[in-house]
Protein backbone atom coordinates (compact mmCIF):
# COMPACT_ATOMS: atom_id res chain seq x y z
CA MET A 1 72.11 63.33 44.51
CA GLU A 2 72.48 66.17 46.99
CA ARG A 3 75.60 67.42 45.15
CA ALA A 4 73.79 67.35 41.78
CA LYS A 5 70.87 69.28 43.24
CA ALA A 6 73.19 71.88 44.74
CA ARG A 7 75.02 72.18 41.43
CA ARG A 8 71.76 72.76 39.51
CA GLN A 9 70.73 75.41 42.03
CA ARG A 10 74.07 77.20 41.63
CA MET A 11 73.83 77.04 37.85
CA ARG A 12 70.30 78.51 37.89
CA ARG A 13 71.33 81.30 40.25
CA ARG A 14 74.33 82.08 38.07
CA MET A 15 72.16 82.18 34.93
CA ILE A 16 69.66 84.50 36.63
CA ARG A 17 72.55 86.81 37.62
CA ARG A 18 73.85 86.82 34.06
CA ILE A 19 70.43 87.64 32.60
CA ALA A 20 69.92 90.43 35.15
CA TRP A 21 73.37 91.81 34.37
CA ARG A 22 72.63 91.81 30.61
CA VAL A 23 69.36 93.69 31.25
CA VAL A 24 71.22 96.29 33.32
CA ILE A 25 73.89 96.67 30.63
CA SER A 26 71.24 97.03 27.91
CA CYS A 27 69.42 99.74 29.89
CA MET A 28 72.69 101.59 30.51
CA GLY A 29 73.51 101.33 26.82
CA ILE A 30 70.17 102.84 25.81
CA THR A 31 70.64 105.70 28.29
CA ILE A 32 74.16 106.40 27.03
CA LEU A 33 73.02 106.33 23.40
CA ALA A 34 70.20 108.76 24.15
CA ALA A 35 72.56 111.15 25.91
CA ALA A 36 75.09 110.87 23.12
CA TRP A 37 72.42 111.70 20.54
CA GLN A 38 71.35 114.78 22.45
CA LEU A 39 74.94 116.00 22.72
CA THR A 40 75.55 115.34 19.04
CA SER A 41 72.44 117.26 18.03
CA LEU A 42 73.49 120.20 20.21
CA ALA A 43 76.97 120.21 18.73
CA LEU A 44 75.60 120.19 15.19
CA ARG A 45 73.39 123.16 15.91
CA GLN A 46 76.06 125.20 17.65
CA PHE A 47 79.21 124.49 15.67
CA THR A 48 78.01 123.13 12.30
CA ILE A 49 80.95 120.78 11.96
CA VAL A 50 79.09 118.23 9.89
CA PRO A 51 82.08 116.84 7.93
CA ALA A 52 84.04 116.17 11.10
CA MET A 53 81.06 114.57 12.77
CA GLN A 54 80.45 112.32 9.77
CA GLU A 55 84.06 111.18 9.76
CA GLU A 56 83.94 110.37 13.48
CA ALA A 57 80.61 108.55 13.16
CA GLY A 58 82.03 106.41 10.39
CA GLU A 59 84.70 104.88 12.63
CA GLY A 60 84.07 101.24 13.49
CA THR A 61 81.11 100.82 11.12
CA ASP A 62 83.00 98.31 9.02
CA GLU A 63 82.71 95.61 11.71
CA THR A 64 80.96 92.57 10.25
CA LEU A 65 79.55 90.13 12.75
CA LEU A 66 80.01 86.40 12.38
CA THR A 67 81.95 86.67 9.15
CA LYS A 68 85.33 85.24 8.28
CA ASP A 69 88.17 87.36 6.98
CA ASP A 70 89.53 85.24 4.14
CA GLY A 71 92.88 86.96 4.44
CA GLN A 72 93.27 85.59 7.96
CA GLY A 73 92.35 82.00 7.21
CA GLU A 74 95.83 80.57 7.58
CA LYS A 75 96.66 81.95 11.00
CA ASP A 76 94.93 79.13 12.91
CA ALA A 77 96.36 76.29 10.82
CA VAL A 78 99.19 75.14 13.06
CA ILE A 79 100.08 75.77 16.68
CA ALA A 80 103.10 73.89 17.97
CA SER A 81 102.56 72.03 21.23
CA GLU A 82 105.07 74.25 23.04
CA GLU A 83 102.99 77.27 22.04
CA ILE A 84 99.72 75.92 23.47
CA LEU A 85 98.90 77.58 26.76
CA LEU A 86 98.02 75.09 29.50
CA VAL A 87 95.95 76.52 32.33
CA ASN A 88 94.70 74.37 35.19
CA LYS A 89 95.04 74.04 38.97
CA ASP A 90 98.68 73.02 38.59
CA HIS A 91 99.49 75.62 35.94
CA PRO A 92 98.03 79.01 36.93
CA LEU A 93 98.35 82.03 34.72
CA PRO A 94 101.00 84.65 35.52
CA GLU A 95 99.45 87.62 37.30
CA SER A 96 100.68 89.87 34.48
CA TYR A 97 98.87 87.88 31.77
CA GLN A 98 96.47 89.98 29.74
CA PRO A 99 94.85 88.79 26.50
CA GLU A 100 94.28 91.08 23.53
CA LEU A 101 90.52 91.12 23.49
CA GLU A 102 88.04 91.60 20.68
CA ARG A 103 84.28 91.82 21.17
CA ILE A 104 81.77 89.67 19.31
CA ARG A 105 79.00 92.23 19.42
CA ALA A 106 76.21 89.86 18.41
CA TYR A 107 76.74 88.04 21.70
CA GLY A 108 78.27 90.79 23.86
CA ALA A 109 81.26 88.50 24.43
CA ASP A 110 84.96 89.35 24.65
CA VAL A 111 87.49 86.79 23.38
CA ASP A 112 91.17 86.77 22.57
CA LYS A 113 91.73 88.32 19.17
CA SER A 114 93.35 85.12 17.87
CA ILE A 115 90.13 83.10 18.17
CA TYR A 116 87.68 85.72 16.91
CA ASP A 117 87.61 84.55 13.28
CA PRO A 118 87.48 80.77 13.84
CA LEU A 119 84.86 81.12 16.58
CA CYS A 120 82.65 83.35 14.46
CA GLN A 121 83.03 81.01 11.50
CA MET A 122 82.07 77.99 13.60
CA LEU A 123 78.95 79.67 14.96
CA GLU A 124 78.00 80.96 11.52
CA ASP A 125 78.36 77.51 9.93
CA GLY A 126 76.24 75.96 12.66
CA GLU A 127 73.54 78.57 12.21
CA LYS A 128 73.45 77.78 8.49
CA GLU A 129 72.33 74.30 9.55
CA GLY A 130 69.44 75.71 11.54
CA LEU A 131 71.12 75.83 14.95
CA SER A 132 70.98 78.74 17.35
CA PHE A 133 73.85 79.38 19.76
CA TRP A 134 74.61 81.59 22.70
CA ILE A 135 77.95 82.40 24.32
CA ALA A 136 77.19 81.88 27.99
CA SER A 137 80.69 82.85 29.10
CA SER A 138 83.85 84.05 27.39
CA TYR A 139 86.70 86.15 28.82
CA ARG A 140 86.44 86.50 32.57
CA SER A 141 88.64 88.75 34.67
CA THR A 142 90.32 87.46 37.83
CA GLU A 143 88.05 89.74 39.85
CA ARG A 144 84.94 88.19 38.31
CA GLN A 145 86.37 84.70 38.82
CA ARG A 146 86.87 85.47 42.50
CA GLU A 147 83.28 86.70 42.79
CA LEU A 148 81.89 83.51 41.24
CA LEU A 149 84.04 81.33 43.47
CA ASP A 150 83.02 83.20 46.62
CA GLU A 151 79.33 83.13 45.66
CA ASP A 152 79.30 79.37 45.07
CA ILE A 153 81.21 78.66 48.28
CA ALA A 154 78.87 80.88 50.29
CA ALA A 155 75.85 79.07 48.82
CA LEU A 156 77.15 75.70 50.03
CA VAL A 157 78.19 77.04 53.43
CA HIS A 158 74.64 78.33 53.78
CA GLN A 159 73.44 74.76 53.14
CA GLY A 160 75.55 73.51 56.05
CA TYR A 161 78.86 72.65 54.38
CA SER A 162 82.08 73.55 56.15
CA TYR A 163 84.17 76.11 54.26
CA SER A 164 86.84 73.57 53.34
CA ARG A 165 84.33 71.04 52.05
CA ALA A 166 82.44 73.75 50.16
CA TYR A 167 85.67 74.88 48.53
CA GLU A 168 86.53 71.32 47.47
CA GLU A 169 83.11 70.88 45.88
CA VAL A 170 83.05 74.25 44.14
CA VAL A 171 86.48 73.94 42.51
CA LYS A 172 85.29 70.81 40.74
CA GLU A 173 83.26 73.17 38.58
CA THR A 174 84.58 76.69 39.20
CA MET A 175 88.32 77.11 38.88
CA PRO A 176 90.35 78.89 41.59
CA VAL A 177 91.45 82.42 40.79
CA GLY A 178 94.29 82.38 38.27
CA CYS A 179 93.52 78.84 37.11
CA SER A 180 90.54 79.49 34.86
CA GLU A 181 90.84 79.20 31.08
CA HIS A 182 88.31 81.99 30.78
CA ALA A 183 91.00 84.42 31.94
CA THR A 184 92.96 83.61 28.75
CA GLY A 185 90.19 84.67 26.40
CA LEU A 186 90.78 81.36 24.57
CA ALA A 187 87.83 79.49 26.08
CA VAL A 188 84.09 79.90 25.64
CA ASP A 189 81.00 78.28 27.12
CA LEU A 190 78.72 77.66 24.14
CA VAL A 191 75.10 76.67 24.67
CA SER A 192 71.78 76.44 22.89
CA ARG A 193 70.06 79.81 22.72
CA ASP A 194 66.82 78.05 23.62
CA TYR A 195 68.33 76.34 26.69
CA GLN A 196 71.04 78.31 28.45
CA ILE A 197 71.32 76.42 31.74
CA LEU A 198 74.72 74.81 32.32
CA ASP A 199 73.65 71.36 33.43
CA GLY A 200 73.48 67.77 32.20
CA ARG A 201 70.66 68.49 29.76
CA GLN A 202 72.85 70.96 27.86
CA GLY A 203 74.92 68.10 26.48
CA SER A 204 71.91 66.66 24.66
CA THR A 205 70.94 69.86 22.82
CA ASP A 206 71.38 69.87 19.04
CA GLU A 207 73.74 72.83 19.30
CA VAL A 208 76.19 71.26 21.75
CA LEU A 209 76.08 67.89 19.98
CA TRP A 210 76.97 69.64 16.71
CA LEU A 211 79.78 71.57 18.39
CA GLN A 212 81.30 68.47 19.92
CA LYS A 213 81.27 66.76 16.52
CA ASN A 214 82.61 69.67 14.48
CA CYS A 215 84.62 71.92 16.82
CA SER A 216 88.04 70.51 15.83
CA ARG A 217 87.55 71.72 12.24
CA TYR A 218 87.81 75.24 13.61
CA GLY A 219 90.62 74.59 16.11
CA PHE A 220 88.51 74.01 19.22
CA ILE A 221 88.33 71.07 21.63
CA LEU A 222 85.89 69.94 24.28
CA ARG A 223 88.13 70.89 27.17
CA TYR A 224 86.58 68.89 30.01
CA PRO A 225 85.27 65.60 28.55
CA GLU A 226 83.28 63.03 30.46
CA GLY A 227 85.33 60.34 32.18
CA LYS A 228 88.50 62.45 32.31
CA GLU A 229 87.82 64.26 35.57
CA ASP A 230 90.80 62.65 37.27
CA ILE A 231 93.08 64.23 34.64
CA THR A 232 91.49 67.65 34.16
CA GLY A 233 90.42 68.06 37.79
CA VAL A 234 87.11 69.44 36.51
CA SER A 235 83.69 67.82 36.22
CA TYR A 236 82.36 67.08 32.72
CA GLU A 237 81.32 70.30 31.00
CA SER A 238 79.64 69.64 27.67
CA TRP A 239 79.62 73.36 26.87
CA HIS A 240 83.24 74.40 27.53
CA PHE A 241 85.32 74.72 24.35
CA ARG A 242 88.96 75.79 24.13
CA TYR A 243 90.91 76.97 21.10
CA VAL A 244 94.22 75.15 20.48
CA GLY A 245 94.58 75.30 16.68
CA VAL A 246 93.31 72.94 14.00
CA ASP A 247 96.16 70.39 14.10
CA ALA A 248 96.11 69.92 17.88
CA ALA A 249 92.32 69.99 18.03
CA THR A 250 92.02 67.33 15.33
CA ALA A 251 94.43 65.01 17.16
CA ILE A 252 92.83 65.57 20.57
CA MET A 253 89.24 65.07 19.48
CA LYS A 254 90.05 62.10 17.22
CA GLN A 255 91.87 60.29 20.02
CA GLY A 256 89.36 61.27 22.70
CA ILE A 257 92.06 62.64 24.99
CA THR A 258 92.51 65.78 27.05
CA LEU A 259 94.78 68.74 26.47
CA GLU A 260 96.93 67.55 29.37
CA GLU A 261 97.38 64.12 27.76
CA TYR A 262 98.17 65.65 24.39
CA LEU A 263 100.84 67.94 25.78
CA ASP A 264 102.35 65.16 27.90
CA ALA A 265 102.61 62.91 24.83
CA ALA A 266 104.14 65.73 22.77
CA ALA A 267 106.75 66.36 25.47
CA SER A 268 107.80 62.71 25.75
């Protein structure tokens, strides 16, 4: 009971920090846009280089949010088991690992380029059914992972936990640095836009229930299912989805197994 209460408190604090950070980013964006507009206006008046300015302004305007590029539809069809990246406490990422990121501007989220299309398609299809999603977390740098870990440990130490016990409790939910799937850009925390707290109630929202039922069609799995904590080393997270490709995702979700179990069976 005490652990659940502490977990809810950490989740709420983390959500408040995320909202505050988004507000700061939005304000900075508005300030930058205003300054950019002033500079552009000055340049137009002084140098009259309208054609060049129009060409520059046109760059990047062809980005379409939450749409699927039909020409890319086959790229997520098959991923061999030996090509699936396993990241957990026993399999940390190499320090040199760096995903090729692409931003989903509608959510302000960075993901690995390989999952951009299937993720956008999944969210778009869900929204067509009246659902409303939010990406609570996507790519996360090692520096940010370290900050989250330290913050959660400090919160428990403040409650009277020893450092070692606090660490053991925190890593059940927050991965150690180098062991988080978020550093790959292949994992996302997807929640209901109307309820963005990462707790037990999230798993009963219409959005997360739909995702758990349909995610494999787009190559995603529920990475940390309930009842598999002894295998994944992570508490049940109804919101954490990982891209592995359609074939692997279909097998994993149909059998109700974890990525670790799937890869072990493929290797045997």
